[in-house]
Amino acid sequence: MTAYLIVEVETTDAELMAEYRKHTPGLIAQFGGKFIVRGGECDCLEGGWTPSRMVVIEF
């Protein structure tokens, strides 16, 4: 059965986030995951939700 992890990310420390991003692909792959969506600009079509960055991972 496939599961999806959907995350809204707001970065407050760019340097720390850059270090974190170096390690996440290997960790996710280690558990059979793969990135489906990894950042980019988000457009909200309805409502007032304004996420700064979205990530979707498939396991």
Protein backbone atom coordinates (compact mmCIF):
# COMPACT_ATOMS: atom_id res chain seq x y z
CA MET A 1 0.00 0.00 0.00
CA THR A 2 1.34 3.43 -0.94
CA ALA A 3 1.40 6.23 1.64
CA TYR A 4 2.04 9.94 1.06
CA LEU A 5 3.63 12.42 3.43
CA ILE A 6 2.47 15.98 2.70
CA VAL A 7 4.43 18.75 4.40
CA GLU A 8 4.13 22.53 4.43
CA VAL A 9 7.59 23.98 5.09
CA GLU A 10 8.40 27.47 6.32
CA THR A 11 12.14 28.11 6.49
CA THR A 12 13.36 30.48 9.19
CA ASP A 13 17.08 29.63 9.01
CA ALA A 14 18.31 29.21 5.41
CA GLU A 15 21.76 27.98 6.42
CA LEU A 16 20.39 25.29 8.72
CA MET A 17 17.83 24.26 6.07
CA ALA A 18 20.59 23.90 3.46
CA GLU A 19 22.44 21.51 5.77
CA TYR A 20 19.24 19.58 6.49
CA ARG A 21 18.47 19.20 2.76
CA LYS A 22 21.85 17.53 2.19
CA HIS A 23 20.78 14.60 4.37
CA THR A 24 17.08 14.11 3.62
CA PRO A 25 17.23 12.47 0.14
CA GLY A 26 19.38 9.60 1.40
CA LEU A 27 17.26 9.10 4.50
CA ILE A 28 14.03 9.09 2.51
CA ALA A 29 15.48 6.65 -0.06
CA GLN A 30 16.69 4.40 2.76
CA PHE A 31 13.05 3.82 3.71
CA GLY A 32 11.82 3.37 0.13
CA GLY A 33 10.53 6.90 -0.32
CA LYS A 34 10.75 9.24 -3.26
CA PHE A 35 9.96 12.91 -3.73
CA ILE A 36 6.82 13.65 -5.75
CA VAL A 37 6.75 17.43 -5.11
CA ARG A 38 9.74 19.30 -3.78
CA GLY A 39 9.22 23.03 -3.36
CA GLY A 40 8.45 25.60 -5.98
CA GLU A 41 5.90 28.39 -5.93
CA CYS A 42 2.44 27.55 -4.52
CA ASP A 43 -0.80 29.01 -5.85
CA CYS A 44 -3.91 28.85 -3.68
CA LEU A 45 -7.01 28.61 -5.89
CA GLU A 46 -9.55 29.06 -3.07
CA GLY A 47 -9.44 30.46 0.45
CA GLY A 48 -6.66 32.35 2.14
CA TRP A 49 -4.07 29.62 2.58
CA THR A 50 -0.62 30.79 1.45
CA PRO A 51 1.98 28.05 1.95
CA SER A 52 5.55 29.10 1.29
CA ARG A 53 6.82 25.64 0.26
CA MET A 54 5.22 22.20 -0.12
CA VAL A 55 6.83 18.77 -0.17
CA VAL A 56 5.10 15.48 -1.03
CA ILE A 57 6.91 12.20 -0.44
CA GLU A 58 5.66 8.78 -1.56
CA PHE A 59 6.44 5.65 0.47
